PDB file of N, CA and C in Angstrom:
ATOM      1  N   MET A   1     -89.623  17.108  24.000  1.00  0.00           N
ATOM      2  CA  MET A   1     -90.622  17.483  24.518  1.00  0.00           C
ATOM      3  C   MET A   1     -90.906  18.833  24.260  1.00  0.00           C
ATOM      4  N   PHE A   2     -89.926  19.636  24.566  1.00  0.00           N
ATOM      5  CA  PHE A   2     -89.862  20.996  24.490  1.00  0.00           C
ATOM      6  C   PHE A   2     -90.322  21.464  23.203  1.00  0.00           C
ATOM      7  N   ALA A   3     -89.824  21.061  22.226  1.00  0.00           N
ATOM      8  CA  ALA A   3     -90.249  21.485  20.678  1.00  0.00           C
ATOM      9  C   ALA A   3     -91.476  20.891  20.513  1.00  0.00           C
ATOM     10  N   LEU A   4     -91.951  19.844  21.169  1.00  0.00           N
ATOM     11  CA  LEU A   4     -93.433  19.530  20.515  1.00  0.00           C
ATOM     12  C   LEU A   4     -94.290  20.649  21.357  1.00  0.00           C
ATOM     13  N   VAL A   5     -94.055  21.128  22.475  1.00  0.00           N
ATOM     14  CA  VAL A   5     -94.931  21.890  22.980  1.00  0.00           C
ATOM     15  C   VAL A   5     -94.840  23.376  22.199  1.00  0.00           C
ATOM     16  N   LYS A   6     -93.367  23.648  21.815  1.00  0.00           N
ATOM     17  CA  LYS A   6     -93.402  25.017  21.154  1.00  0.00           C
ATOM     18  C   LYS A   6     -94.363  24.906  19.708  1.00  0.00           C
ATOM     19  N   VAL A   7     -94.250  23.891  19.135  1.00  0.00           N
ATOM     20  CA  VAL A   7     -94.774  23.777  17.942  1.00  0.00           C
ATOM     21  C   VAL A   7     -96.107  23.903  18.107  1.00  0.00           C
ATOM     22  N   ALA A   8     -96.860  23.166  19.175  1.00  0.00           N
ATOM     23  CA  ALA A   8     -98.080  22.798  19.416  1.00  0.00           C
ATOM     24  C   ALA A   8     -98.984  24.344  19.715  1.00  0.00           C
ATOM     25  N   LEU A   9     -98.144  24.930  20.524  1.00  0.00           N
ATOM     26  CA  LEU A   9     -98.794  26.376  21.316  1.00  0.00           C
ATOM     27  C   LEU A   9     -98.513  27.394  19.956  1.00  0.00           C
ATOM     28  N   PRO A  10     -99.425  28.497  20.153  1.00  0.00           N
ATOM     29  CA  PRO A  10     -99.192  29.715  19.286  1.00  0.00           C
ATOM     30  C   PRO A  10     -97.986  30.685  19.826  1.00  0.00           C
ATOM     31  N   ASP A  11     -97.751  31.468  18.982  1.00  0.00           N
ATOM     32  CA  ASP A  11     -96.591  32.570  19.475  1.00  0.00           C
ATOM     33  C   ASP A  11     -97.180  33.506  20.206  1.00  0.00           C
ATOM     34  N   ILE A  12     -96.444  34.101  21.137  1.00  0.00           N
ATOM     35  CA  ILE A  12     -97.208  35.002  21.903  1.00  0.00           C
ATOM     36  C   ILE A  12     -96.168  36.276  21.813  1.00  0.00           C
ATOM     37  N   ASN A  13     -96.790  37.511  21.301  1.00  0.00           N
ATOM     38  CA  ASN A  13     -95.942  38.560  21.323  1.00  0.00           C
ATOM     39  C   ASN A  13     -96.685  39.598  22.146  1.00  0.00           C
ATOM     40  N   GLU A  14     -96.081  39.811  23.397  1.00  0.00           N
ATOM     41  CA  GLU A  14     -96.995  40.828  24.496  1.00  0.00           C
ATOM     42  C   GLU A  14     -96.561  42.267  24.285  1.00  0.00           C
ATOM     43  N   VAL A  15     -95.898  42.651  23.448  1.00  0.00           N
ATOM     44  CA  VAL A  15     -95.452  44.019  23.459  1.00  0.00           C
ATOM     45  C   VAL A  15     -96.314  44.444  21.966  1.00  0.00           C
ATOM     46  N   LEU A  16     -96.877  45.368  21.865  1.00  0.00           N
ATOM     47  CA  LEU A  16     -97.391  46.048  20.875  1.00  0.00           C
ATOM     48  C   LEU A  16     -96.366  46.629  19.645  1.00  0.00           C
ATOM     49  N   GLU A  17     -96.722  46.589  18.660  1.00  0.00           N
ATOM     50  CA  GLU A  17     -95.574  47.021  17.505  1.00  0.00           C
ATOM     51  C   GLU A  17     -95.371  48.509  17.836  1.00  0.00           C
ATOM     52  N   LYS A  18     -96.362  49.352  18.355  1.00  0.00           N
ATOM     53  CA  LYS A  18     -96.510  50.932  18.522  1.00  0.00           C
ATOM     54  C   LYS A  18     -95.644  51.123  19.783  1.00  0.00           C
ATOM     55  N   PHE A  19     -95.475  49.942  20.640  1.00  0.00           N
ATOM     56  CA  PHE A  19     -94.890  50.490  21.796  1.00  0.00           C
ATOM     57  C   PHE A  19     -93.235  50.936  21.578  1.00  0.00           C
ATOM     58  N   SER A  20     -92.989  51.938  22.218  1.00  0.00           N
ATOM     59  CA  SER A  20     -91.573  52.337  22.297  1.00  0.00           C
ATOM     60  C   SER A  20     -90.457  51.531  22.678  1.00  0.00           C
ATOM     61  N   ALA A  21     -89.699  51.238  22.158  1.00  0.00           N
ATOM     62  CA  ALA A  21     -88.702  50.234  22.604  1.00  0.00           C
ATOM     63  C   ALA A  21     -87.719  50.967  23.686  1.00  0.00           C
ATOM     64  N   VAL A  22     -87.505  52.334  23.561  1.00  0.00           N
ATOM     65  CA  VAL A  22     -86.638  53.045  24.595  1.00  0.00           C
ATOM     66  C   VAL A  22     -87.551  53.012  25.848  1.00  0.00           C
ATOM     67  N   LEU A  23     -88.850  53.076  25.946  1.00  0.00           N
ATOM     68  CA  LEU A  23     -89.167  53.064  27.411  1.00  0.00           C
ATOM     69  C   LEU A  23     -89.423  51.591  27.776  1.00  0.00           C
ATOM     70  N   LEU A  24     -89.821  50.674  27.185  1.00  0.00           N
ATOM     71  CA  LEU A  24     -89.572  49.342  27.667  1.00  0.00           C
ATOM     72  C   LEU A  24     -88.337  49.157  28.252  1.00  0.00           C
ATOM     73  N   TRP A  25     -87.354  49.557  27.454  1.00  0.00           N
ATOM     74  CA  TRP A  25     -85.786  49.248  27.922  1.00  0.00           C
ATOM     75  C   TRP A  25     -85.509  49.949  29.351  1.00  0.00           C
ATOM     76  N   GLN A  26     -86.289  51.297  29.400  1.00  0.00           N
ATOM     77  CA  GLN A  26     -85.931  51.950  30.770  1.00  0.00           C
ATOM     78  C   GLN A  26     -86.661  51.402  31.813  1.00  0.00           C
ATOM     79  N   PHE A  27     -87.815  50.616  31.347  1.00  0.00           N
ATOM     80  CA  PHE A  27     -88.847  49.927  32.354  1.00  0.00           C
ATOM     81  C   PHE A  27     -87.829  48.818  32.750  1.00  0.00           C
ATOM     82  N   ARG A  28     -87.286  48.163  31.927  1.00  0.00           N
ATOM     83  CA  ARG A  28     -86.265  46.918  32.167  1.00  0.00           C
ATOM     84  C   ARG A  28     -85.306  47.214  33.403  1.00  0.00           C
ATOM     85  N   VAL A  29     -84.521  48.308  32.996  1.00  0.00           N
ATOM     86  CA  VAL A  29     -83.507  48.768  33.699  1.00  0.00           C
ATOM     87  C   VAL A  29     -83.976  49.049  34.918  1.00  0.00           C
ATOM     88  N   ALA A  30     -85.255  49.890  35.254  1.00  0.00           N
ATOM     89  CA  ALA A  30     -85.608  50.258  36.400  1.00  0.00           C
ATOM     90  C   ALA A  30     -86.004  49.039  37.186  1.00  0.00           C
ATOM     91  N   SER A  31     -86.620  48.140  36.634  1.00  0.00           N
ATOM     92  CA  SER A  31     -87.097  46.899  37.321  1.00  0.00           C
ATOM     93  C   SER A  31     -85.742  46.040  37.985  1.00  0.00           C
ATOM     94  N   MET A  32     -84.612  46.006  37.165  1.00  0.00           N
ATOM     95  CA  MET A  32     -83.372  45.265  37.651  1.00  0.00           C
ATOM     96  C   MET A  32     -82.960  46.126  38.871  1.00  0.00           C
ATOM     97  N   GLY A  33     -83.030  47.439  38.740  1.00  0.00           N
ATOM     98  CA  GLY A  33     -82.566  48.310  39.836  1.00  0.00           C
ATOM     99  C   GLY A  33     -83.216  48.350  41.229  1.00  0.00           C
ATOM    100  N   ILE A  34     -84.654  48.225  40.977  1.00  0.00           N
ATOM    101  CA  ILE A  34     -85.554  47.994  42.216  1.00  0.00           C
ATOM    102  C   ILE A  34     -85.303  46.475  42.768  1.00  0.00           C
ATOM    103  N   GLN A  35     -85.016  45.497  41.813  1.00  0.00           N
ATOM    104  CA  GLN A  35     -84.513  44.310  42.235  1.00  0.00           C
ATOM    105  C   GLN A  35     -83.483  43.945  43.381  1.00  0.00           C
ATOM    106  N   LEU A  36     -82.400  44.872  42.690  1.00  0.00           N
ATOM    107  CA  LEU A  36     -81.103  44.918  43.199  1.00  0.00           C
ATOM    108  C   LEU A  36     -81.255  45.389  44.731  1.00  0.00           C
ATOM    109  N   ILE A  37     -81.843  46.648  44.697  1.00  0.00           N
ATOM    110  CA  ILE A  37     -82.258  47.170  45.889  1.00  0.00           C
ATOM    111  C   ILE A  37     -82.655  46.377  46.887  1.00  0.00           C
ATOM    112  N   LEU A  38     -83.915  45.874  46.475  1.00  0.00           N
ATOM    113  CA  LEU A  38     -84.676  45.143  47.305  1.00  0.00           C
ATOM    114  C   LEU A  38     -84.032  43.853  48.157  1.00  0.00           C
ATOM    115  N   TRP A  39     -83.347  43.168  47.335  1.00  0.00           N
ATOM    116  CA  TRP A  39     -82.675  41.861  47.615  1.00  0.00           C
ATOM    117  C   TRP A  39     -81.162  42.348  48.686  1.00  0.00           C
ATOM    118  N   THR A  40     -80.708  43.429  48.064  1.00  0.00           N
ATOM    119  CA  THR A  40     -79.528  43.769  48.931  1.00  0.00           C
ATOM    120  C   THR A  40     -80.063  44.315  50.424  1.00  0.00           C
ATOM    121  N   VAL A  41     -81.246  44.727  50.712  1.00  0.00           N
ATOM    122  CA  VAL A  41     -81.762  45.200  51.632  1.00  0.00           C
ATOM    123  C   VAL A  41     -82.053  44.134  52.598  1.00  0.00           C
ATOM    124  N   ILE A  42     -82.661  43.189  52.109  1.00  0.00           N
ATOM    125  CA  ILE A  42     -83.300  41.922  52.594  1.00  0.00           C
ATOM    126  C   ILE A  42     -81.916  41.195  53.123  1.00  0.00           C
ATOM    127  N   GLY A  43     -81.113  41.155  52.473  1.00  0.00           N
ATOM    128  CA  GLY A  43     -79.696  40.292  52.642  1.00  0.00           C
ATOM    129  C   GLY A  43     -79.098  40.981  53.939  1.00  0.00           C
ATOM    130  N   LEU A  44     -78.959  42.285  53.970  1.00  0.00           N
ATOM    131  CA  LEU A  44     -78.273  43.111  54.911  1.00  0.00           C
ATOM    132  C   LEU A  44     -78.926  42.884  56.249  1.00  0.00           C
ATOM    133  N   LEU A  45     -80.220  43.103  56.258  1.00  0.00           N
ATOM    134  CA  LEU A  45     -81.242  42.957  57.280  1.00  0.00           C
ATOM    135  C   LEU A  45     -81.277  41.440  58.013  1.00  0.00           C
ATOM    136  N   PHE A  46     -81.120  40.438  57.065  1.00  0.00           N
ATOM    137  CA  PHE A  46     -80.987  39.193  57.482  1.00  0.00           C
ATOM    138  C   PHE A  46     -79.733  38.613  58.218  1.00  0.00           C
ATOM    139  N   GLY A  47     -78.462  39.451  57.556  1.00  0.00           N
ATOM    140  CA  GLY A  47     -77.385  39.466  58.289  1.00  0.00           C
ATOM    141  C   GLY A  47     -77.138  39.840  59.463  1.00  0.00           C
ATOM    142  N   VAL A  48     -77.524  41.031  59.999  1.00  0.00           N
ATOM    143  CA  VAL A  48     -77.785  41.802  61.094  1.00  0.00           C
ATOM    144  C   VAL A  48     -78.411  40.918  62.077  1.00  0.00           C
ATOM    145  N   VAL A  49     -79.780  40.445  61.780  1.00  0.00           N
ATOM    146  CA  VAL A  49     -80.601  39.858  62.636  1.00  0.00           C
ATOM    147  C   VAL A  49     -79.886  38.409  62.956  1.00  0.00           C
ATOM    148  N   ALA A  50     -79.360  37.865  62.154  1.00  0.00           N
ATOM    149  CA  ALA A  50     -78.735  36.371  62.227  1.00  0.00           C
ATOM    150  C   ALA A  50     -77.563  36.680  63.156  1.00  0.00           C
ATOM    151  N   GLU A  51     -76.686  37.610  62.743  1.00  0.00           N
ATOM    152  CA  GLU A  51     -75.352  37.983  63.774  1.00  0.00           C
ATOM    153  C   GLU A  51     -75.708  38.365  65.024  1.00  0.00           C
ATOM    154  N   ARG A  52     -76.979  39.183  65.411  1.00  0.00           N
ATOM    155  CA  ARG A  52     -77.283  39.251  66.884  1.00  0.00           C
ATOM    156  C   ARG A  52     -77.783  37.934  67.428  1.00  0.00           C
ATOM    157  N   LYS A  53     -78.472  37.153  66.600  1.00  0.00           N
ATOM    158  CA  LYS A  53     -78.954  35.728  67.340  1.00  0.00           C
ATOM    159  C   LYS A  53     -77.959  34.896  67.574  1.00  0.00           C
ATOM    160  N   LEU A  54     -77.056  34.790  66.850  1.00  0.00           N
ATOM    161  CA  LEU A  54     -75.869  34.171  66.837  1.00  0.00           C
ATOM    162  C   LEU A  54     -74.986  34.428  68.076  1.00  0.00           C
ATOM    163  N   ALA A  55     -74.662  35.911  68.199  1.00  0.00           N
ATOM    164  CA  ALA A  55     -73.971  36.244  69.253  1.00  0.00           C
ATOM    165  C   ALA A  55     -74.852  35.946  70.541  1.00  0.00           C
ATOM    166  N   ALA A  56     -75.925  36.186  70.835  1.00  0.00           N
ATOM    167  CA  ALA A  56     -76.705  35.904  71.839  1.00  0.00           C
ATOM    168  C   ALA A  56     -76.334  34.358  72.221  1.00  0.00           C
ATOM    169  N   ALA A  57     -76.658  33.602  71.344  1.00  0.00           N
ATOM    170  CA  ALA A  57     -76.751  32.033  71.730  1.00  0.00           C
ATOM    171  C   ALA A  57     -75.188  31.883  72.196  1.00  0.00           C
ATOM    172  N   SER A  58     -74.143  32.423  71.454  1.00  0.00           N
ATOM    173  CA  SER A  58     -72.759  32.017  71.877  1.00  0.00           C
ATOM    174  C   SER A  58     -72.583  32.552  73.155  1.00  0.00           C
ATOM    175  N   GLN A  59     -72.942  33.802  73.592  1.00  0.00           N
ATOM    176  CA  GLN A  59     -72.671  34.213  75.051  1.00  0.00           C
ATOM    177  C   GLN A  59     -73.694  33.360  76.041  1.00  0.00           C
ATOM    178  N   ALA A  60     -74.752  32.887  75.636  1.00  0.00           N
ATOM    179  CA  ALA A  60     -75.397  32.251  76.606  1.00  0.00           C
ATOM    180  C   ALA A  60     -74.623  30.976  76.980  1.00  0.00           C
ATOM    181  N   ARG A  61     -74.276  30.159  75.619  1.00  0.00           N
ATOM    182  CA  ARG A  61     -73.357  28.980  76.140  1.00  0.00           C
ATOM    183  C   ARG A  61     -72.121  29.364  76.565  1.00  0.00           C
ATOM    184  N   LEU A  62     -71.490  30.541  76.613  1.00  0.00           N
ATOM    185  CA  LEU A  62     -70.316  30.714  77.409  1.00  0.00           C
ATOM    186  C   LEU A  62     -70.546  31.036  78.913  1.00  0.00           C
ATOM    187  N   ALA A  63     -71.630  31.685  78.854  1.00  0.00           N
ATOM    188  CA  ALA A  63     -72.109  31.776  80.329  1.00  0.00           C
ATOM    189  C   ALA A  63     -72.523  30.499  81.223  1.00  0.00           C
ATOM    190  N   ARG A  64     -72.906  29.487  80.681  1.00  0.00           N
ATOM    191  CA  ARG A  64     -73.030  28.344  81.012  1.00  0.00           C
ATOM    192  C   ARG A  64     -71.855  27.346  81.562  1.00  0.00           C
ATOM    193  N   ALA A  65     -70.918  27.776  80.573  1.00  0.00           N
ATOM    194  CA  ALA A  65     -69.714  26.726  80.883  1.00  0.00           C
ATOM    195  C   ALA A  65     -69.000  27.368  81.745  1.00  0.00           C
TER     196      ALA A  65
END
């Protein structure tokens, strides 16, 4: 199925011939760095919030027991 679609659709080259390969590579590296920082911060913040919520729920259960 994939081969049929690939043959039926035209090739797409989104990067112009004159576009600098070095500039494109720098953009890709910067994009990966931004993604790494973004998801690390989101993960750490989620961990802190989840730990606080779970600790509060655990203390509430212990107080009732």
